[in-house]
Every structure is written in structure tokens, then in C-alpha cells.
């Protein structure tokens, strides 16, 4: 089926501040408050006229750009600049397919953001946010779900930016994708999270109806998948893993864990020393057997030149923050990296192309060596988490990191009417806790069957645009 041509007519960027119920430490930052970005894009779809699409994502400080000299506020302003530059490029371009709009602006986005002192990962934030809104508008115009839109390649995905895929049959690959009706939620354990009831003084208890410690979380949600943050210092990381393993080992069924370094180790030697000490510790044997992969343990500057094959003996190694451009994954492959993260903030088309690479490389290897993982960036209940879950489902990723529902009190930053609308539209995904719409995780699982059947990109209802701060409008 021929992909329709689109023309971007208007871009609106909004913001909504929120506070975390529990401070979340990852890498070099402890997050207590932030802003969620919401994009609206008016798209002229050939043969259908103007259609609005929407998307949402967190302006997350110190992930896209970890320069210590920048404040969190400067990081957020840079991400807004990334969206503005992308919007200007999209508006200036002529009619094209959804992917063609992205591809035609790809090089200019990187170069203009570099001139504005934004690294490539931050440069990709703007197109990633707008592309989801464009896909939403396209699917709505066609009266199709997101999965159907991708399966028929109505976005016009091609290999112009990924020549390593050569003559790979993208249309057949996309047509073979079948969305999952449920996905395991992989619970994130931050660097300062309470593990036991004894870790919280009586006066520190929130008593807000949601779990507060790791033990509480397991009892409330029934997780079997976990993502454990490590901080880059062997002795303290080892002790932290002992404490976490003591909790997880109480589970009477198998559990699975990933380790996320958030670039805190400056070289492979540090993380190798950690794993050697883990292997020598009998109290960590079950944890060691549960380890499914390492996520970005080494700083991005070192990851591109470091052979991680010795680390991969313990578990596969995945790039996350290093995945800055469309060429990054194949560049890291010869160094022993087997996986790459899918995050909506890096672009849904990048996820599709990286999954195509995995399929091609696995065919060549005759084994399932290469894979995508599903990771979070404090995705919030509502439009953001619905789009991310829908993408993960289509990619066939059976478990995804989820942390927004734990560190943020559901949709508490939204008004009552908006919360009620999302709860009413997706009762299989949400529940009400003390009058607030929150994710509903049962037996460690999130239901995606309702999301994947929605016309558009995963939502029949929209946020309350009038209740947000307007960042800019361009047309």
C-alpha cells in the first residue's frame, strides 16, 4: 500500500509540571520534580485534510545531556530547543511521507542542534516527540490502529538512513509484526529507594495508598522483572545488590533482573570487577543466575571504543544513552554489544529500524543473539505511557521498564476531568487510588489489548490542553 503524503501545518508544544512522590536517583541526578512535554501537530493528510495528532514525554534532565556544568533547568530548555528546531524543519518542508518528513530533516536537525550546543541524543528528542504526533494524526485519518498503520507501512519507512540494512525487505518485516496483548512491567529500583519497611522512619511514610518500599511493590503488583540501578562504585554497588537480592530471593518463583549503570562506570574494568565479586559471593548466586542483561554500564564516550565481550560472558550488554544516532547500534556491534533500548524519546522509527537489524543479524548468525529492550524515562500515566506500551507491544518486547507509576502519583498533575476520561477509556489499564487515576499492574503485568485496538496512536481521549502551559506555537 502506498504511504500517503503529509504536510505539517502547525506545531504546538505544551508543558505540565509535576512532583515525584518519592525522589528518584539515577546516574548523577536525584529527581524530585520535572515537566512533562505534550505536543500537538496539525497534519494535512493527502485526501483527508487537516488532522490533529498528539504525543507526550518527560523533559528529563541529566539523561540526554550529562554535562555537570549544566543545571537541570538548562537541560530542559535545551530539550525545548530540540523540539523547536524540529518543528521549524518539519514546517518548512514540503509534502512527504511520515518517515520522509523525519528523514528529510535528519541531518539538518543534528547540525542545527550541534550549533546550539545540543548533543545528538538531545537533538533526537524533538523529532521523536513530533513523529509520534504525526503518526497519531496519520492513523486517525486512515481510521486505523498504530499497529495497522505500521504493518501496512503507511509511514513510508525505508533504508535511506540505514544503508547497512541494504536490500532487507522492510515491508515484509513490518507486515509480520504482531502486537502483544500484555506486557510484563519491569520495576525500577533507584539508587536511594527504600527496600524494607525498616528503611523508612514512621514520619517518612507517605501512606498515600501506593507501595513505598521494594517489599511493598512486590506485594502490591506481583512483579517478576526488575531493573536495578548501580552507581559506578564497586564496593557500594556490591553492598546494594546484596540488599536487593535479599528481598528478591524471597520470591517463590523465578525472577529476572537487568542492571542499569547509567554510564557511571568510566571503563569496562570497573563493571568487570563488580561482576567478579558478585560471582564470588554465595549470597548473590540466585541474583547472578537471574541477570538478563547490562544496560549502558560504561560512559558513552568510552562505550564506542571499548570491547565489552568479557562483560558479555556474564550477560548481554545493551546500549542506551550511547544510542544517539541511527548509525550507533551497528557501530557498537563489533565491540560485543548485543542489544539496544527502545525508548519513545529516541524515536519510534529508530526502534523499528533497530529491530529490523536484529532480525537480519539473527538470520545471518542462525541464532537469537541480538535484541531490543524496553526502557522507561519516567513515563507518566496517560498519553505518554499508552504510546510507549503500544510501541513496545508491537515490537514484541515482552517486558518493559516502568517507573513513572511508582515515583509519580499517577495522573495527579492532571485535572479531575482528564483523569476520569483516561480511566473511563481504558479501565483495563488504570484504577483509581484515593481518587487519582493510576496504572493497574496485576501479577506484574500491564494489559495492552485495549491500547492496540485504538484508532490512532493508543488513545481515544486527549489531555486537557487548556490546563497546560504553552511553550510555543509555530505554523
Protein backbone atom coordinates (compact mmCIF):
# COMPACT_ATOMS: atom_id res chain seq x y z
CA UNK A 1 0.00 0.00 0.00
CA UNK A 2 1.32 3.45 -0.94
CA UNK A 3 2.19 5.67 2.01
CA UNK A 4 0.22 8.94 1.87
CA UNK A 5 1.96 12.27 1.64
CA UNK A 6 1.64 14.62 4.56
CA UNK A 7 2.26 18.31 5.14
CA UNK A 8 2.93 19.65 8.62
CA UNK A 9 0.80 22.75 9.12
CA UNK A 10 1.11 23.64 12.81
CA UNK A 11 3.07 22.53 15.89
CA UNK A 12 2.11 23.35 19.46
CA UNK A 13 4.29 22.44 22.44
CA UNK A 14 2.82 22.46 25.94
CA UNK A 15 4.24 21.68 29.38
CA UNK A 16 2.84 20.43 32.68
CA UNK A 17 4.86 20.47 35.90
CA UNK A 18 4.70 17.56 38.32
CA UNK A 19 6.32 16.45 41.54
CA UNK A 20 7.53 12.98 42.39
CA UNK A 21 6.01 11.24 45.40
CA UNK A 22 9.38 9.55 46.00
CA UNK A 23 12.69 11.13 44.89
CA UNK A 24 14.28 9.10 42.09
CA UNK A 25 18.04 8.90 41.80
CA UNK A 26 19.54 7.72 38.54
CA UNK A 27 23.09 8.38 37.43
CA UNK A 28 24.18 11.82 38.62
CA UNK A 29 20.79 13.32 39.44
CA UNK A 30 18.10 12.92 42.08
CA UNK A 31 14.81 13.94 40.53
CA UNK A 32 12.13 15.45 42.75
CA UNK A 33 10.15 17.49 40.21
CA UNK A 34 10.06 17.84 36.45
CA UNK A 35 7.93 18.86 33.47
CA UNK A 36 6.02 16.68 31.05
CA UNK A 37 6.02 17.77 27.41
CA UNK A 38 2.88 17.50 25.28
CA UNK A 39 2.93 18.06 21.53
CA UNK A 40 0.04 18.74 19.17
CA UNK A 41 0.68 18.64 15.45
CA UNK A 42 -1.77 19.61 12.72
CA UNK A 43 -1.15 17.47 9.66
CA UNK A 44 -2.61 17.81 6.18
CA UNK A 45 -3.04 14.17 5.17
CA UNK A 46 -3.39 13.76 1.41
CA UNK A 47 -7.02 13.02 0.63
CA UNK A 48 -8.22 13.62 4.19
CA UNK A 49 -7.45 17.24 5.04
CA UNK A 50 -6.18 18.54 8.35
CA UNK A 51 -5.94 16.09 11.28
CA UNK A 52 -4.51 16.75 14.74
CA UNK A 53 -2.13 14.28 16.37
CA UNK A 54 -0.71 14.27 19.89
CA UNK A 55 2.18 12.86 21.93
CA UNK A 56 3.74 13.23 25.37
CA UNK A 57 7.14 12.74 27.01
CA UNK A 58 9.06 13.94 30.09
CA UNK A 59 11.65 16.69 29.78
CA UNK A 60 14.16 14.54 31.72
CA UNK A 61 17.27 16.37 32.96
CA UNK A 62 20.72 14.76 33.01
CA UNK A 63 19.88 11.87 30.74
CA UNK A 64 20.12 13.27 27.23
CA UNK A 65 22.99 15.57 28.24
CA UNK A 66 25.02 14.75 31.35
CA UNK A 67 27.39 17.70 31.38
CA UNK A 68 27.79 18.58 35.04
CA UNK A 69 28.11 22.29 34.34
CA UNK A 70 24.52 22.48 33.05
CA UNK A 71 21.68 22.92 35.51
CA UNK A 72 18.52 20.83 35.28
CA UNK A 73 16.73 23.95 34.03
CA UNK A 74 19.27 24.40 31.24
CA UNK A 75 18.84 20.76 30.26
CA UNK A 76 15.09 21.24 29.95
CA UNK A 77 15.49 24.43 27.92
CA UNK A 78 17.79 22.56 25.55
CA UNK A 79 15.17 19.86 25.04
CA UNK A 80 12.61 22.55 24.25
CA UNK A 81 15.08 23.95 21.73
CA UNK A 82 15.35 20.49 20.16
CA UNK A 83 11.57 20.42 19.68
CA UNK A 84 11.52 23.95 18.27
CA UNK A 85 14.28 23.20 15.75
CA UNK A 86 12.48 20.04 14.66
CA UNK A 87 9.19 21.92 14.35
CA UNK A 88 10.79 24.61 12.19
CA UNK A 89 12.31 21.98 9.92
CA UNK A 90 9.09 20.00 9.61
CA UNK A 91 7.03 23.09 8.86
CA UNK A 92 9.48 24.29 6.21
CA UNK A 93 9.48 21.01 4.32
CA UNK A 94 7.16 20.07 1.50
CA UNK A 95 4.71 17.17 1.42
CA UNK A 96 6.26 13.79 2.13
CA UNK A 97 5.55 10.52 3.88
CA UNK A 98 5.67 10.42 7.68
CA UNK A 99 9.11 8.83 7.63
CA UNK A 100 10.16 11.02 4.72
CA UNK A 101 9.50 14.13 6.80
CA UNK A 102 11.79 12.78 9.53
CA UNK A 103 14.45 11.53 7.11
CA UNK A 104 14.48 14.74 5.09
CA UNK A 105 15.15 16.74 8.24
CA UNK A 106 17.52 14.28 9.94
CA UNK A 107 20.89 15.81 9.01
CA UNK A 108 19.72 19.39 9.46
CA UNK A 109 18.33 18.55 12.90
CA UNK A 110 21.68 17.18 14.05
CA UNK A 111 23.69 20.06 12.61
CA UNK A 112 21.39 22.85 13.84
CA UNK A 113 21.27 21.31 17.31
CA UNK A 114 25.06 21.00 17.32
CA UNK A 115 25.27 24.72 16.54
CA UNK A 116 23.03 25.28 19.57
CA UNK A 117 25.40 23.11 21.69
CA UNK A 118 22.99 20.17 21.95
CA UNK A 119 24.46 16.65 21.75
CA UNK A 120 22.97 14.17 19.26
CA UNK A 121 20.85 12.35 21.87
CA UNK A 122 19.16 15.62 22.85
CA UNK A 123 18.83 16.55 19.18
CA UNK A 124 16.75 13.43 18.64
CA UNK A 125 14.24 14.35 21.33
CA UNK A 126 12.38 16.89 19.20
CA UNK A 127 11.77 14.69 16.15
CA UNK A 128 10.87 11.74 18.38
CA UNK A 129 8.14 13.74 20.11
CA UNK A 130 6.74 15.19 16.88
CA UNK A 131 6.92 11.94 14.91
CA UNK A 132 4.59 10.20 17.37
CA UNK A 133 2.06 13.01 16.98
CA UNK A 134 2.36 12.77 13.18
CA UNK A 135 1.80 9.00 13.35
CA UNK A 136 -1.22 9.60 15.56
CA UNK A 137 -2.71 12.00 13.01
CA UNK A 138 -2.00 9.65 10.11
CA UNK A 139 -3.61 6.66 11.84
CA UNK A 140 -6.65 8.74 12.79
CA UNK A 141 -7.05 9.95 9.21
CA UNK A 142 -6.98 6.37 7.95
CA UNK A 143 -9.20 5.05 10.75
CA UNK A 144 -6.50 2.53 11.68
CA UNK A 145 -4.68 1.45 14.79
CA UNK A 146 -0.99 2.25 15.21
CA UNK A 147 -0.14 -1.41 14.54
CA UNK A 148 -2.16 -1.47 11.32
CA UNK A 149 -0.52 1.76 10.19
CA UNK A 150 2.93 0.26 10.69
CA UNK A 151 2.09 -3.20 9.35
CA UNK A 152 0.96 -1.60 6.07
CA UNK A 153 3.97 0.73 6.11
CA UNK A 154 1.79 3.78 5.70
CA UNK A 155 4.60 5.81 7.29
CA UNK A 156 6.82 5.06 4.27
CA UNK A 157 9.70 3.55 6.27
CA UNK A 158 12.77 2.86 4.12
CA UNK A 159 16.53 2.31 4.46
CA UNK A 160 17.81 5.66 3.15
CA UNK A 161 19.30 6.49 6.56
CA UNK A 162 20.34 2.91 7.41
CA UNK A 163 22.31 1.63 4.39
CA UNK A 164 23.55 -1.30 6.48
CA UNK A 165 20.07 -2.81 6.03
CA UNK A 166 20.75 -2.91 2.28
CA UNK A 167 18.03 -4.81 0.45
CA UNK A 168 16.31 -6.02 3.63
CA UNK A 169 12.57 -6.34 2.94
CA UNK A 170 11.15 -3.77 5.35
CA UNK A 171 7.59 -4.13 4.07
CA UNK A 172 7.56 -7.87 4.76
CA UNK A 173 9.20 -7.30 8.15
CA UNK A 174 6.67 -4.68 9.20
CA UNK A 175 3.80 -6.81 7.95
CA UNK A 176 4.96 -9.67 10.17
CA UNK A 177 4.78 -7.67 13.41
CA UNK A 178 2.02 -8.79 15.76
CA UNK A 179 1.29 -6.72 18.89
CA UNK A 180 1.27 -8.38 22.29
CA UNK A 181 -1.89 -8.20 24.38
CA UNK A 182 0.02 -7.93 27.63
CA UNK A 183 3.48 -6.88 28.74
CA UNK A 184 5.36 -7.53 31.99
CA UNK A 185 6.25 -4.38 33.93
CA UNK A 186 9.92 -4.36 34.97
CA UNK A 187 10.11 -2.45 38.23
CA UNK A 188 12.95 0.07 38.63
CA UNK A 189 14.85 0.12 41.91
CA UNK A 190 16.54 3.52 42.18
CA UNK A 191 19.80 4.14 43.96
CA UNK A 192 18.14 5.53 47.10
CA UNK A 193 14.88 3.55 47.14
CA UNK A 194 13.74 2.03 50.41
CA UNK A 195 13.82 -1.76 50.30
CA UNK A 196 12.20 -2.75 53.63
CA UNK A 197 9.72 -1.19 55.99
CA UNK A 198 12.61 -0.65 58.39
CA UNK A 199 14.28 1.66 55.86
CA UNK A 200 11.56 4.26 56.45
CA UNK A 201 11.15 6.13 59.69
CA UNK A 202 7.48 6.34 60.82
CA UNK A 203 7.38 10.04 59.96
CA UNK A 204 8.71 9.37 56.46
CA UNK A 205 5.81 7.16 55.44
CA UNK A 206 3.60 8.69 52.75
CA UNK A 207 0.57 6.49 53.47
CA UNK A 208 -0.93 7.60 50.17
CA UNK A 209 -2.35 4.24 49.09
CA UNK A 210 0.59 3.24 46.87
CA UNK A 211 3.53 0.98 47.79
CA UNK A 212 6.63 2.69 49.16
CA UNK A 213 9.34 0.04 49.59
CA UNK A 214 10.55 -2.73 47.29
CA UNK A 215 8.83 -5.27 49.51
CA UNK A 216 5.61 -3.22 49.27
CA UNK A 217 5.90 -3.06 45.49
CA UNK A 218 6.30 -6.81 45.09
CA UNK A 219 3.37 -7.49 47.38
CA UNK A 220 1.13 -4.94 45.65
CA UNK A 221 1.97 -5.57 42.00
CA UNK A 222 3.41 -9.10 41.83
CA UNK A 223 6.46 -8.17 39.75
CA UNK A 224 8.86 -10.79 38.44
CA UNK A 225 11.02 -8.41 36.37
CA UNK A 226 13.27 -5.78 37.94
CA UNK A 227 15.72 -3.11 36.81
CA UNK A 228 18.41 -2.28 39.35
CA UNK A 229 20.33 0.99 39.24
CA UNK A 230 24.05 0.90 40.07
CA UNK A 231 26.19 3.92 40.78
CA UNK A 232 29.69 3.23 39.42
CA UNK A 233 31.49 2.44 42.71
CA UNK A 234 32.19 -1.27 43.13
CA UNK A 235 32.02 -1.62 46.91
CA UNK A 236 28.79 0.34 47.37
CA UNK A 237 27.18 -1.26 44.31
CA UNK A 238 28.05 -4.72 45.64
CA UNK A 239 26.51 -4.00 49.02
CA UNK A 240 23.41 -2.51 47.40
CA UNK A 241 22.98 -5.62 45.25
CA UNK A 242 23.28 -7.83 48.33
CA UNK A 243 20.50 -5.87 50.00
CA UNK A 244 18.23 -6.01 46.94
CA UNK A 245 18.93 -9.70 46.31
CA UNK A 246 17.95 -10.48 49.89
CA UNK A 247 14.49 -9.12 49.06
CA UNK A 248 14.14 -10.68 45.61
CA UNK A 249 15.33 -14.08 46.79
CA UNK A 250 12.23 -14.30 48.99
CA UNK A 251 10.12 -14.75 45.83
CA UNK A 252 8.91 -18.31 45.43
CA UNK A 253 9.05 -18.09 41.64
CA UNK A 254 11.85 -17.18 39.23
CA UNK A 255 12.69 -13.51 38.87
CA UNK A 256 14.65 -11.63 36.20
CA UNK A 257 16.83 -8.55 36.63
CA UNK A 258 18.69 -6.08 34.46
CA UNK A 259 21.50 -3.85 35.74
CA UNK A 260 21.49 -0.22 34.62
CA UNK A 261 24.74 1.67 35.05
CA UNK A 262 23.51 4.97 33.56
CA UNK A 263 27.09 5.48 32.27
CA UNK A 264 28.50 5.65 35.80
CA UNK A 265 31.44 3.32 35.18
CA UNK A 266 34.19 5.07 33.26
CA UNK A 267 35.65 1.83 31.88
CA UNK A 268 34.84 -1.84 31.49
CA UNK A 269 37.32 -2.77 34.23
CA UNK A 270 35.07 -1.41 36.98
CA UNK A 271 31.94 -3.30 35.99
CA UNK A 272 34.04 -6.44 35.38
CA UNK A 273 35.39 -6.17 38.91
CA UNK A 274 31.85 -5.83 40.22
CA UNK A 275 30.75 -8.96 38.39
CA UNK A 276 33.79 -10.91 39.59
CA UNK A 277 32.86 -10.05 43.16
CA UNK A 278 29.21 -10.92 42.50
CA UNK A 279 30.28 -14.33 41.15
CA UNK A 280 32.40 -14.93 44.27
CA UNK A 281 29.58 -14.12 46.69
CA UNK A 282 27.33 -17.10 47.54
CA UNK A 283 24.56 -14.76 48.72
CA UNK A 284 24.32 -13.38 45.18
CA UNK A 285 24.20 -16.68 43.31
CA UNK A 286 20.46 -16.64 42.62
CA UNK A 287 20.67 -12.99 41.59
CA UNK A 288 23.57 -13.78 39.24
CA UNK A 289 21.53 -16.53 37.62
CA UNK A 290 18.61 -14.10 37.19
CA UNK A 291 20.63 -11.44 35.35
CA UNK A 292 19.31 -10.93 31.82
CA UNK A 293 21.46 -8.02 30.59
CA UNK A 294 23.59 -4.99 31.42
CA UNK A 295 22.26 -1.63 30.29
CA UNK A 296 24.80 1.09 29.45
CA UNK A 297 27.24 0.48 32.32
CA UNK A 298 30.02 2.50 30.66
CA UNK A 299 30.09 6.20 29.86
CA UNK A 300 29.03 6.93 26.29
CA UNK A 301 32.42 8.38 25.38
CA UNK A 302 34.13 5.11 26.31
CA UNK A 303 31.42 2.74 25.09
CA UNK A 304 32.13 3.47 21.43
CA UNK A 305 35.76 2.32 21.74
CA UNK A 306 35.52 -0.38 24.44
CA UNK A 307 35.27 -4.09 23.71
CA UNK A 308 32.66 -5.40 26.13
CA UNK A 309 32.96 -9.05 25.12
CA UNK A 310 34.50 -10.01 28.50
CA UNK A 311 31.48 -8.49 30.25
CA UNK A 312 29.08 -10.20 27.85
CA UNK A 313 30.28 -13.54 29.26
CA UNK A 314 28.18 -12.69 32.34
CA UNK A 315 25.17 -11.29 30.44
CA UNK A 316 24.48 -9.46 27.16
CA UNK A 317 25.34 -5.75 27.07
CA UNK A 318 22.88 -3.13 25.82
CA UNK A 319 23.44 0.45 24.71
CA UNK A 320 21.01 3.11 25.89
CA UNK A 321 22.38 6.65 26.26
CA UNK A 322 25.03 5.82 23.63
CA UNK A 323 22.29 5.24 21.06
CA UNK A 324 22.46 8.82 19.80
CA UNK A 325 22.12 8.40 16.04
CA UNK A 326 20.81 5.85 13.56
CA UNK A 327 24.32 4.51 12.99
CA UNK A 328 25.16 3.85 16.64
CA UNK A 329 23.88 0.29 17.05
CA UNK A 330 25.79 -1.22 14.11
CA UNK A 331 28.89 0.75 15.16
CA UNK A 332 28.75 -0.86 18.62
CA UNK A 333 28.01 -4.37 17.37
CA UNK A 334 31.69 -5.29 16.64
CA UNK A 335 32.54 -4.29 20.22
CA UNK A 336 30.38 -7.06 21.68
CA UNK A 337 27.12 -5.22 22.24
CA UNK A 338 24.07 -7.40 21.59
CA UNK A 339 21.16 -5.13 22.41
CA UNK A 340 19.78 -1.62 22.19
CA UNK A 341 17.00 0.06 24.09
CA UNK A 342 13.68 1.15 22.65
CA UNK A 343 12.52 4.45 24.12
CA UNK A 344 9.89 6.68 22.65
CA UNK A 345 12.14 9.67 23.39
CA UNK A 346 14.66 8.28 20.87
CA UNK A 347 12.08 7.82 18.13
CA UNK A 348 9.69 5.02 17.26
CA UNK A 349 11.16 4.69 13.75
CA UNK A 350 14.61 4.15 15.27
CA UNK A 351 13.13 1.29 17.31
CA UNK A 352 11.63 -0.25 14.18
CA UNK A 353 14.88 0.03 12.22
CA UNK A 354 16.93 -1.38 15.10
CA UNK A 355 14.51 -4.29 15.40
CA UNK A 356 14.94 -4.91 11.66
CA UNK A 357 18.69 -5.03 12.24
CA UNK A 358 18.24 -7.59 14.99
CA UNK A 359 16.13 -9.76 12.71
CA UNK A 360 18.69 -9.51 9.88
CA UNK A 361 21.70 -10.17 12.13
CA UNK A 362 20.00 -13.08 13.86
CA UNK A 363 19.20 -14.60 10.48
CA UNK A 364 22.84 -14.24 9.49
CA UNK A 365 24.03 -15.72 12.81
CA UNK A 366 21.48 -18.52 12.83
CA UNK A 367 20.72 -17.71 16.47
CA UNK A 368 18.82 -15.18 18.58
CA UNK A 369 21.82 -13.09 19.61
CA UNK A 370 20.58 -9.53 19.05
CA UNK A 371 17.58 -7.92 20.69
CA UNK A 372 15.71 -4.78 21.72
CA UNK A 373 14.84 -3.93 25.29
CA UNK A 374 12.00 -1.71 26.51
CA UNK A 375 13.14 1.07 28.84
CA UNK A 376 11.38 3.95 30.58
CA UNK A 377 12.13 7.62 31.04
CA UNK A 378 9.70 8.12 33.92
CA UNK A 379 6.75 7.65 31.58
CA UNK A 380 3.61 9.04 33.16
CA UNK A 381 0.13 7.59 33.19
CA UNK A 382 -1.92 8.95 30.31
CA UNK A 383 -0.90 9.58 26.73
CA UNK A 384 2.86 9.04 27.24
CA UNK A 385 2.71 5.61 28.84
CA UNK A 386 -0.02 4.46 26.44
CA UNK A 387 2.06 5.28 23.36
CA UNK A 388 5.17 3.67 24.81
CA UNK A 389 3.32 0.50 25.79
CA UNK A 390 1.74 0.32 22.34
CA UNK A 391 5.14 0.61 20.66
CA UNK A 392 6.70 -1.99 22.96
CA UNK A 393 3.78 -4.31 22.28
CA UNK A 394 4.19 -4.00 18.50
CA UNK A 395 7.93 -4.61 18.77
CA UNK A 396 7.19 -7.90 20.56
CA UNK A 397 9.12 -6.91 23.70
CA UNK A 398 7.59 -8.98 26.48
CA UNK A 399 8.73 -6.85 29.43
CA UNK A 400 9.36 -3.13 29.77
CA UNK A 401 10.83 -0.97 32.49
CA UNK A 402 8.08 1.04 34.17
CA UNK A 403 8.87 3.57 36.87
CA UNK A 404 6.54 6.54 36.45
CA UNK A 405 3.69 4.80 38.28
CA UNK A 406 5.90 4.31 41.36
CA UNK A 407 7.77 7.60 41.60
CA UNK A 408 4.85 9.77 40.47
CA UNK A 409 1.34 9.54 41.90
CA UNK A 410 -0.48 8.52 38.74
CA UNK A 411 -2.16 11.37 36.89
CA UNK A 412 -2.23 13.62 39.97
CA UNK A 413 -0.82 16.54 37.97
CA UNK A 414 -3.88 16.45 35.68
CA UNK A 415 -7.37 17.72 36.43
CA UNK A 416 -10.22 15.50 37.57
CA UNK A 417 -11.99 15.52 34.19
CA UNK A 418 -8.86 14.45 32.30
CA UNK A 419 -8.16 11.69 34.79
CA UNK A 420 -11.73 10.41 34.58
CA UNK A 421 -11.58 10.44 30.79
CA UNK A 422 -8.46 8.25 30.67
CA UNK A 423 -9.79 5.91 33.35
CA UNK A 424 -13.09 5.56 31.50
CA UNK A 425 -11.39 4.97 28.15
CA UNK A 426 -9.05 2.27 29.46
CA UNK A 427 -10.39 0.55 32.59
CA UNK A 428 -8.14 -2.43 31.80
CA UNK A 429 -5.05 -0.25 32.22
CA UNK A 430 -5.96 2.11 35.05
CA UNK A 431 -7.51 2.08 38.51
CA UNK A 432 -8.49 4.81 40.92
CA UNK A 433 -6.35 5.21 44.07
CA UNK A 434 -7.63 7.80 46.54
CA UNK A 435 -9.44 9.46 43.64
CA UNK A 436 -6.36 9.56 41.39
CA UNK A 437 -6.06 7.62 38.13
CA UNK A 438 -3.09 5.23 38.38
CA UNK A 439 -1.68 2.34 36.38
CA UNK A 440 -3.18 -1.03 37.24
CA UNK A 441 -0.49 -3.72 37.38
CA UNK A 442 -1.71 -7.23 38.16
CA UNK A 443 0.59 -10.22 38.62
CA UNK A 444 3.36 -7.96 37.33
CA UNK A 445 1.54 -7.47 34.02
CA UNK A 446 0.11 -4.49 32.14
CA UNK A 447 -2.82 -5.12 29.78
CA UNK A 448 -2.17 -3.71 26.29
CA UNK A 449 -5.10 -5.30 24.46
CA UNK A 450 -7.21 -2.16 24.76
CA UNK A 451 -4.42 0.12 23.59
CA UNK A 452 -3.55 -1.84 20.48
CA UNK A 453 -7.16 -1.78 19.30
CA UNK A 454 -7.47 2.02 19.46
CA UNK A 455 -7.71 4.07 16.27
CA UNK A 456 -4.74 6.44 16.25
CA UNK A 457 -1.64 6.10 18.38
CA UNK A 458 -3.02 4.45 21.50
CA UNK A 459 -5.59 6.90 22.85
CA UNK A 460 -9.21 7.78 22.16
CA UNK A 461 -9.06 10.70 24.60
CA UNK A 462 -6.68 13.65 24.78
CA UNK A 463 -5.11 15.63 27.59
CA UNK A 464 -6.70 18.89 28.73
CA UNK A 465 -4.71 21.26 26.54
CA UNK A 466 -6.22 24.37 28.08
CA UNK A 467 -4.93 23.37 31.52
CA UNK A 468 -1.28 23.35 30.43
CA UNK A 469 1.39 25.98 29.95
CA UNK A 470 2.01 26.83 26.31
CA UNK A 471 5.70 26.70 25.38
CA UNK A 472 5.30 27.75 21.74
CA UNK A 473 3.05 27.57 18.69
CA UNK A 474 4.53 27.54 15.19
CA UNK A 475 2.73 27.46 11.86
